[in-house]
């Protein structure tokens, strides 16, 4: 399917963004940069998992890797992989600056452009945390255990989500709480809600600096 435009919902007038340089992680716990790395990496694997599980890209275009104590599937499509790397890299910087409120993966019908699924990840952040703050006391293993539970739920959604029997594409929406300059190749977007939808709330995870709450909304099968 064609690659989507990346949408930055809520962007406005120019606001300076800088790549933060500072502590990443320590043996004692999680730093701001370390937390942003963990959350951004979760989104990289999570988006790949959604694209595979929902058949947005063909299964033969994915390869198996080990992560979070699970066998994960990641794309081998060079164009898609580069696209996701760019998105995740930008997201990581915005997480460090406490700019991001939400990331949404929107699944659309290619033929009608109708929104069929909406994977919503709400991000809460402790804005008192800075690059120079002391690390928070939570082990990476504990965080990865929580992330593993979320990934398992994403995988299990195929048991209740309606079959996507039409060709589909996807959009990414990133909601920010500050006026930001829209990066090149991004554009502002509406929320792309689903008419006549049902929602299932998934598990959450927290680094103690960032907390990610997730849910999937989908079009009722009798309204396709």
C-alpha atoms as a PDB file:
ATOM      1  CA  UNK A   1       0.000   0.000   0.000  1.00  0.00           C
ATOM      2  CA  UNK A   2       1.110   3.600  -0.444  1.00  0.00           C
ATOM      3  CA  UNK A   3       2.961   5.178   2.455  1.00  0.00           C
ATOM      4  CA  UNK A   4       0.821   7.641   4.428  1.00  0.00           C
ATOM      5  CA  UNK A   5       1.652  11.191   5.256  1.00  0.00           C
ATOM      6  CA  UNK A   6       2.639  11.644   8.863  1.00  0.00           C
ATOM      7  CA  UNK A   7       0.191  13.975  10.552  1.00  0.00           C
ATOM      8  CA  UNK A   8       1.049  16.206  13.467  1.00  0.00           C
ATOM      9  CA  UNK A   9      -2.291  17.103  15.030  1.00  0.00           C
ATOM     10  CA  UNK A  10      -2.375  20.394  16.900  1.00  0.00           C
ATOM     11  CA  UNK A  11       0.778  21.897  15.412  1.00  0.00           C
ATOM     12  CA  UNK A  12       0.877  25.648  14.985  1.00  0.00           C
ATOM     13  CA  UNK A  13       3.291  28.581  14.710  1.00  0.00           C
ATOM     14  CA  UNK A  14       6.995  28.000  14.801  1.00  0.00           C
ATOM     15  CA  UNK A  15       8.488  26.958  18.105  1.00  0.00           C
ATOM     16  CA  UNK A  16      12.140  26.010  18.393  1.00  0.00           C
ATOM     17  CA  UNK A  17      12.925  22.341  18.880  1.00  0.00           C
ATOM     18  CA  UNK A  18      16.325  21.152  19.908  1.00  0.00           C
ATOM     19  CA  UNK A  19      17.796  17.705  20.252  1.00  0.00           C
ATOM     20  CA  UNK A  20      18.454  17.248  23.926  1.00  0.00           C
ATOM     21  CA  UNK A  21      21.833  15.884  24.929  1.00  0.00           C
ATOM     22  CA  UNK A  22      22.169  14.455  28.372  1.00  0.00           C
ATOM     23  CA  UNK A  23      22.067  11.379  30.559  1.00  0.00           C
ATOM     24  CA  UNK A  24      20.419   8.344  28.981  1.00  0.00           C
ATOM     25  CA  UNK A  25      20.220   5.684  31.652  1.00  0.00           C
ATOM     26  CA  UNK A  26      21.953   4.746  34.855  1.00  0.00           C
ATOM     27  CA  UNK A  27      22.162   1.624  36.942  1.00  0.00           C
ATOM     28  CA  UNK A  28      20.055   3.358  39.573  1.00  0.00           C
ATOM     29  CA  UNK A  29      17.019   3.878  37.354  1.00  0.00           C
ATOM     30  CA  UNK A  30      15.498   5.774  34.439  1.00  0.00           C
ATOM     31  CA  UNK A  31      16.443   9.243  33.179  1.00  0.00           C
ATOM     32  CA  UNK A  32      14.338  11.509  30.972  1.00  0.00           C
ATOM     33  CA  UNK A  33      16.310  10.566  27.865  1.00  0.00           C
ATOM     34  CA  UNK A  34      16.225   6.900  28.845  1.00  0.00           C
ATOM     35  CA  UNK A  35      12.452   7.049  29.332  1.00  0.00           C
ATOM     36  CA  UNK A  36      11.976   8.714  25.934  1.00  0.00           C
ATOM     37  CA  UNK A  37      14.111   6.004  24.325  1.00  0.00           C
ATOM     38  CA  UNK A  38      12.017   3.246  25.925  1.00  0.00           C
ATOM     39  CA  UNK A  39       8.688   4.796  24.902  1.00  0.00           C
ATOM     40  CA  UNK A  40       9.832   5.566  21.341  1.00  0.00           C
ATOM     41  CA  UNK A  41      11.155   2.017  20.952  1.00  0.00           C
ATOM     42  CA  UNK A  42       7.821   0.639  22.165  1.00  0.00           C
ATOM     43  CA  UNK A  43       6.049   2.641  19.455  1.00  0.00           C
ATOM     44  CA  UNK A  44       8.442   1.330  16.807  1.00  0.00           C
ATOM     45  CA  UNK A  45       7.710  -2.294  17.721  1.00  0.00           C
ATOM     46  CA  UNK A  46       4.049  -1.596  18.457  1.00  0.00           C
ATOM     47  CA  UNK A  47       3.371   0.030  15.080  1.00  0.00           C
ATOM     48  CA  UNK A  48       5.151  -2.834  13.322  1.00  0.00           C
ATOM     49  CA  UNK A  49       3.014  -5.305  15.247  1.00  0.00           C
ATOM     50  CA  UNK A  50      -0.221  -3.524  14.283  1.00  0.00           C
ATOM     51  CA  UNK A  51       0.769  -3.362  10.603  1.00  0.00           C
ATOM     52  CA  UNK A  52       1.530  -7.091  10.629  1.00  0.00           C
ATOM     53  CA  UNK A  53      -1.410  -8.281  12.732  1.00  0.00           C
ATOM     54  CA  UNK A  54      -3.946  -6.263  10.736  1.00  0.00           C
ATOM     55  CA  UNK A  55      -2.523  -7.263   7.355  1.00  0.00           C
ATOM     56  CA  UNK A  56      -1.742  -3.700   6.231  1.00  0.00           C
ATOM     57  CA  UNK A  57       1.481  -5.025   4.682  1.00  0.00           C
ATOM     58  CA  UNK A  58       1.976  -8.596   3.421  1.00  0.00           C
ATOM     59  CA  UNK A  59       3.343 -11.080   5.993  1.00  0.00           C
ATOM     60  CA  UNK A  60       6.320 -11.956   3.798  1.00  0.00           C
ATOM     61  CA  UNK A  61       7.568  -8.364   4.196  1.00  0.00           C
ATOM     62  CA  UNK A  62       8.242  -8.922   7.921  1.00  0.00           C
ATOM     63  CA  UNK A  63      11.014 -10.730   9.751  1.00  0.00           C
ATOM     64  CA  UNK A  64      11.189 -12.166  13.270  1.00  0.00           C
ATOM     65  CA  UNK A  65      13.306 -10.601  16.018  1.00  0.00           C
ATOM     66  CA  UNK A  66      13.477 -11.131  19.769  1.00  0.00           C
ATOM     67  CA  UNK A  67      12.404  -8.244  21.997  1.00  0.00           C
ATOM     68  CA  UNK A  68      10.701  -7.961  25.398  1.00  0.00           C
ATOM     69  CA  UNK A  69      11.038 -11.728  25.780  1.00  0.00           C
ATOM     70  CA  UNK A  70       8.759 -12.157  22.758  1.00  0.00           C
ATOM     71  CA  UNK A  71       9.147 -12.987  19.083  1.00  0.00           C
ATOM     72  CA  UNK A  72       8.338  -9.702  17.361  1.00  0.00           C
ATOM     73  CA  UNK A  73       7.734  -9.046  13.664  1.00  0.00           C
ATOM     74  CA  UNK A  74       9.356  -6.013  12.048  1.00  0.00           C
ATOM     75  CA  UNK A  75       9.199  -4.800   8.484  1.00  0.00           C
ATOM     76  CA  UNK A  76      11.900  -5.563   5.938  1.00  0.00           C
ATOM     77  CA  UNK A  77      10.451  -2.985   3.536  1.00  0.00           C
ATOM     78  CA  UNK A  78      13.251  -0.423   3.198  1.00  0.00           C
ATOM     79  CA  UNK A  79      10.967   2.539   2.460  1.00  0.00           C
ATOM     80  CA  UNK A  80       8.562   1.769   5.317  1.00  0.00           C
ATOM     81  CA  UNK A  81      11.458   1.094   7.702  1.00  0.00           C
ATOM     82  CA  UNK A  82      13.072   4.456   6.907  1.00  0.00           C
ATOM     83  CA  UNK A  83       9.709   6.192   7.286  1.00  0.00           C
ATOM     84  CA  UNK A  84       9.146   4.677  10.746  1.00  0.00           C
ATOM     85  CA  UNK A  85      12.707   5.490  11.841  1.00  0.00           C
ATOM     86  CA  UNK A  86      12.180   9.144  10.955  1.00  0.00           C
ATOM     87  CA  UNK A  87       8.861   9.282  12.814  1.00  0.00           C
ATOM     88  CA  UNK A  88      10.233   7.550  15.915  1.00  0.00           C
ATOM     89  CA  UNK A  89      13.335   9.767  15.927  1.00  0.00           C
ATOM     90  CA  UNK A  90      11.197  12.920  15.891  1.00  0.00           C
ATOM     91  CA  UNK A  91       8.876  11.450  18.518  1.00  0.00           C
ATOM     92  CA  UNK A  92      11.823  10.735  20.820  1.00  0.00           C
ATOM     93  CA  UNK A  93      12.928  14.368  20.753  1.00  0.00           C
ATOM     94  CA  UNK A  94       9.392  15.596  21.440  1.00  0.00           C
ATOM     95  CA  UNK A  95       9.058  13.157  24.355  1.00  0.00           C
ATOM     96  CA  UNK A  96      12.201  14.642  25.884  1.00  0.00           C
ATOM     97  CA  UNK A  97      10.657  18.097  25.601  1.00  0.00           C
ATOM     98  CA  UNK A  98       7.292  16.963  27.090  1.00  0.00           C
ATOM     99  CA  UNK A  99       5.488  17.994  23.892  1.00  0.00           C
ATOM    100  CA  UNK A 100       3.560  14.796  23.073  1.00  0.00           C
ATOM    101  CA  UNK A 101       0.083  13.972  24.357  1.00  0.00           C
ATOM    102  CA  UNK A 102      -0.978  11.134  22.091  1.00  0.00           C
ATOM    103  CA  UNK A 103       0.004   8.920  19.171  1.00  0.00           C
ATOM    104  CA  UNK A 104      -2.697   7.326  17.009  1.00  0.00           C
ATOM    105  CA  UNK A 105      -2.406   4.680  14.295  1.00  0.00           C
ATOM    106  CA  UNK A 106      -5.361   5.094  11.941  1.00  0.00           C
ATOM    107  CA  UNK A 107      -6.328   2.267   9.582  1.00  0.00           C
ATOM    108  CA  UNK A 108      -8.248   3.396   6.485  1.00  0.00           C
ATOM    109  CA  UNK A 109      -9.921   1.665   3.569  1.00  0.00           C
ATOM    110  CA  UNK A 110      -7.897   2.512   0.452  1.00  0.00           C
ATOM    111  CA  UNK A 111     -10.991   2.408  -1.744  1.00  0.00           C
ATOM    112  CA  UNK A 112     -13.272   4.635   0.354  1.00  0.00           C
ATOM    113  CA  UNK A 113     -10.754   6.297   2.732  1.00  0.00           C
ATOM    114  CA  UNK A 114     -13.147   5.371   5.562  1.00  0.00           C
ATOM    115  CA  UNK A 115     -11.536   4.997   9.005  1.00  0.00           C
ATOM    116  CA  UNK A 116     -11.937   1.377  10.151  1.00  0.00           C
ATOM    117  CA  UNK A 117      -9.640   1.225  13.196  1.00  0.00           C
ATOM    118  CA  UNK A 118      -8.014   3.739  15.501  1.00  0.00           C
ATOM    119  CA  UNK A 119      -5.214   2.592  17.805  1.00  0.00           C
ATOM    120  CA  UNK A 120      -4.820   5.330  20.411  1.00  0.00           C
ATOM    121  CA  UNK A 121      -1.856   5.664  22.782  1.00  0.00           C
ATOM    122  CA  UNK A 122      -2.255   8.453  25.344  1.00  0.00           C
ATOM    123  CA  UNK A 123       0.994   9.700  26.879  1.00  0.00           C
ATOM    124  CA  UNK A 124       1.185  11.221  30.351  1.00  0.00           C
ATOM    125  CA  UNK A 125       4.495  12.787  31.332  1.00  0.00           C
ATOM    126  CA  UNK A 126       5.958  14.177  34.523  1.00  0.00           C
ATOM    127  CA  UNK A 127       6.919  17.666  33.394  1.00  0.00           C
ATOM    128  CA  UNK A 128       9.016  18.271  36.488  1.00  0.00           C
ATOM    129  CA  UNK A 129      11.584  15.839  35.070  1.00  0.00           C
ATOM    130  CA  UNK A 130      14.518  17.421  33.211  1.00  0.00           C
ATOM    131  CA  UNK A 131      17.736  16.198  31.639  1.00  0.00           C
ATOM    132  CA  UNK A 132      19.547  17.097  34.860  1.00  0.00           C
ATOM    133  CA  UNK A 133      17.099  15.428  37.251  1.00  0.00           C
ATOM    134  CA  UNK A 134      18.093  12.389  39.257  1.00  0.00           C
ATOM    135  CA  UNK A 135      17.158   9.035  37.756  1.00  0.00           C
ATOM    136  CA  UNK A 136      13.880   7.464  38.835  1.00  0.00           C
ATOM    137  CA  UNK A 137      13.917   4.158  40.639  1.00  0.00           C
ATOM    138  CA  UNK A 138      12.381   1.574  38.354  1.00  0.00           C
ATOM    139  CA  UNK A 139      14.207  -1.300  36.714  1.00  0.00           C
ATOM    140  CA  UNK A 140      14.232  -1.699  32.959  1.00  0.00           C
ATOM    141  CA  UNK A 141      13.109  -5.298  33.464  1.00  0.00           C
ATOM    142  CA  UNK A 142       9.950  -4.171  35.291  1.00  0.00           C
ATOM    143  CA  UNK A 143       9.153  -1.739  32.483  1.00  0.00           C
ATOM    144  CA  UNK A 144       9.752  -4.375  29.809  1.00  0.00           C
ATOM    145  CA  UNK A 145       7.446  -6.794  31.647  1.00  0.00           C
ATOM    146  CA  UNK A 146       4.665  -4.189  31.423  1.00  0.00           C
ATOM    147  CA  UNK A 147       5.405  -3.508  27.746  1.00  0.00           C
ATOM    148  CA  UNK A 148       5.331  -7.240  27.026  1.00  0.00           C
ATOM    149  CA  UNK A 149       1.767  -7.384  28.384  1.00  0.00           C
ATOM    150  CA  UNK A 150       0.702  -4.553  26.046  1.00  0.00           C
ATOM    151  CA  UNK A 151       2.317  -6.192  23.003  1.00  0.00           C
ATOM    152  CA  UNK A 152       0.625  -9.494  23.826  1.00  0.00           C
ATOM    153  CA  UNK A 153      -2.729  -7.714  23.914  1.00  0.00           C
ATOM    154  CA  UNK A 154      -2.071  -6.114  20.526  1.00  0.00           C
ATOM    155  CA  UNK A 155      -1.365  -9.587  19.149  1.00  0.00           C
ATOM    156  CA  UNK A 156      -4.510 -11.004  20.778  1.00  0.00           C
ATOM    157  CA  UNK A 157      -6.816  -8.376  19.258  1.00  0.00           C
ATOM    158  CA  UNK A 158      -7.135 -10.488  16.100  1.00  0.00           C
ATOM    159  CA  UNK A 159      -9.523 -12.685  18.113  1.00  0.00           C
ATOM    160  CA  UNK A 160     -12.179  -9.934  18.365  1.00  0.00           C
ATOM    161  CA  UNK A 161     -11.446  -7.235  15.767  1.00  0.00           C
ATOM    162  CA  UNK A 162     -13.511  -7.489  12.564  1.00  0.00           C
ATOM    163  CA  UNK A 163     -11.694  -8.927   9.570  1.00  0.00           C
ATOM    164  CA  UNK A 164     -10.206  -6.250   7.308  1.00  0.00           C
ATOM    165  CA  UNK A 165     -11.155  -7.844   4.002  1.00  0.00           C
ATOM    166  CA  UNK A 166     -10.524  -4.695   1.952  1.00  0.00           C
ATOM    167  CA  UNK A 167      -7.114  -3.251   1.086  1.00  0.00           C
ATOM    168  CA  UNK A 168      -6.084  -0.776   3.789  1.00  0.00           C
ATOM    169  CA  UNK A 169      -3.491   1.907   4.428  1.00  0.00           C
ATOM    170  CA  UNK A 170      -2.519   3.685   7.625  1.00  0.00           C
ATOM    171  CA  UNK A 171      -1.921   7.197   8.933  1.00  0.00           C
ATOM    172  CA  UNK A 172      -0.034   8.283  12.026  1.00  0.00           C
ATOM    173  CA  UNK A 173      -1.340  11.168  14.117  1.00  0.00           C
ATOM    174  CA  UNK A 174       0.766  12.807  16.814  1.00  0.00           C
ATOM    175  CA  UNK A 175      -0.982  15.224  19.163  1.00  0.00           C
ATOM    176  CA  UNK A 176       1.158  17.908  20.788  1.00  0.00           C
ATOM    177  CA  UNK A 177       0.377  20.347  23.598  1.00  0.00           C
ATOM    178  CA  UNK A 178       2.541  23.181  22.290  1.00  0.00           C
ATOM    179  CA  UNK A 179       2.611  25.183  19.066  1.00  0.00           C
ATOM    180  CA  UNK A 180       5.300  23.492  17.007  1.00  0.00           C
ATOM    181  CA  UNK A 181       6.731  24.031  13.567  1.00  0.00           C
ATOM    182  CA  UNK A 182       5.444  21.222  11.362  1.00  0.00           C
ATOM    183  CA  UNK A 183       8.498  19.279  10.145  1.00  0.00           C
ATOM    184  CA  UNK A 184       9.010  18.760   6.429  1.00  0.00           C
ATOM    185  CA  UNK A 185       6.752  16.017   4.984  1.00  0.00           C
ATOM    186  CA  UNK A 186       4.299  16.381   7.899  1.00  0.00           C
ATOM    187  CA  UNK A 187       0.953  18.134   7.805  1.00  0.00           C
ATOM    188  CA  UNK A 188      -1.814  19.096  10.193  1.00  0.00           C
ATOM    189  CA  UNK A 189      -4.763  16.739  10.425  1.00  0.00           C
ATOM    190  CA  UNK A 190      -8.168  16.259  11.971  1.00  0.00           C
ATOM    191  CA  UNK A 191      -8.724  13.492  14.550  1.00  0.00           C
ATOM    192  CA  UNK A 192     -10.084  10.936  12.026  1.00  0.00           C
ATOM    193  CA  UNK A 193     -12.678   9.449  14.353  1.00  0.00           C
ATOM    194  CA  UNK A 194     -14.769   6.362  13.515  1.00  0.00           C
ATOM    195  CA  UNK A 195     -18.516   6.614  13.074  1.00  0.00           C
ATOM    196  CA  UNK A 196     -20.471   3.972  15.015  1.00  0.00           C
ATOM    197  CA  UNK A 197     -17.447   2.516  16.806  1.00  0.00           C
ATOM    198  CA  UNK A 198     -16.682   0.215  19.699  1.00  0.00           C
ATOM    199  CA  UNK A 199     -13.649   0.568  21.975  1.00  0.00           C
ATOM    200  CA  UNK A 200     -11.487  -1.875  23.891  1.00  0.00           C
ATOM    201  CA  UNK A 201      -9.056  -0.505  26.438  1.00  0.00           C
ATOM    202  CA  UNK A 202      -5.675  -2.232  26.557  1.00  0.00           C
ATOM    203  CA  UNK A 203      -3.060  -2.356  29.301  1.00  0.00           C
ATOM    204  CA  UNK A 204      -0.780   0.542  30.174  1.00  0.00           C
ATOM    205  CA  UNK A 205       2.885   0.801  31.104  1.00  0.00           C
ATOM    206  CA  UNK A 206       4.934   3.431  32.886  1.00  0.00           C
ATOM    207  CA  UNK A 207       8.587   4.352  33.186  1.00  0.00           C
ATOM    208  CA  UNK A 208       7.613   6.615  36.156  1.00  0.00           C
ATOM    209  CA  UNK A 209       8.406   9.561  33.825  1.00  0.00           C
ATOM    210  CA  UNK A 210       6.142   8.672  30.903  1.00  0.00           C
ATOM    211  CA  UNK A 211       2.960   6.604  31.160  1.00  0.00           C
ATOM    212  CA  UNK A 212       1.319   5.141  28.049  1.00  0.00           C
ATOM    213  CA  UNK A 213      -2.383   4.205  28.117  1.00  0.00           C
ATOM    214  CA  UNK A 214      -3.706   2.387  25.070  1.00  0.00           C
ATOM    215  CA  UNK A 215      -7.004   1.476  23.439  1.00  0.00           C
ATOM    216  CA  UNK A 216      -8.294   0.336  20.074  1.00  0.00           C
ATOM    217  CA  UNK A 217     -11.500   1.661  18.527  1.00  0.00           C
ATOM    218  CA  UNK A 218     -13.023  -0.153  15.577  1.00  0.00           C
ATOM    219  CA  UNK A 219     -15.995   0.095  13.288  1.00  0.00           C
ATOM    220  CA  UNK A 220     -18.749  -2.304  14.282  1.00  0.00           C
ATOM    221  CA  UNK A 221     -18.814  -5.255  11.911  1.00  0.00           C
ATOM    222  CA  UNK A 222     -22.523  -4.811  11.185  1.00  0.00           C
ATOM    223  CA  UNK A 223     -21.863  -1.262   9.985  1.00  0.00           C
ATOM    224  CA  UNK A 224     -19.252  -2.062   7.340  1.00  0.00           C
END
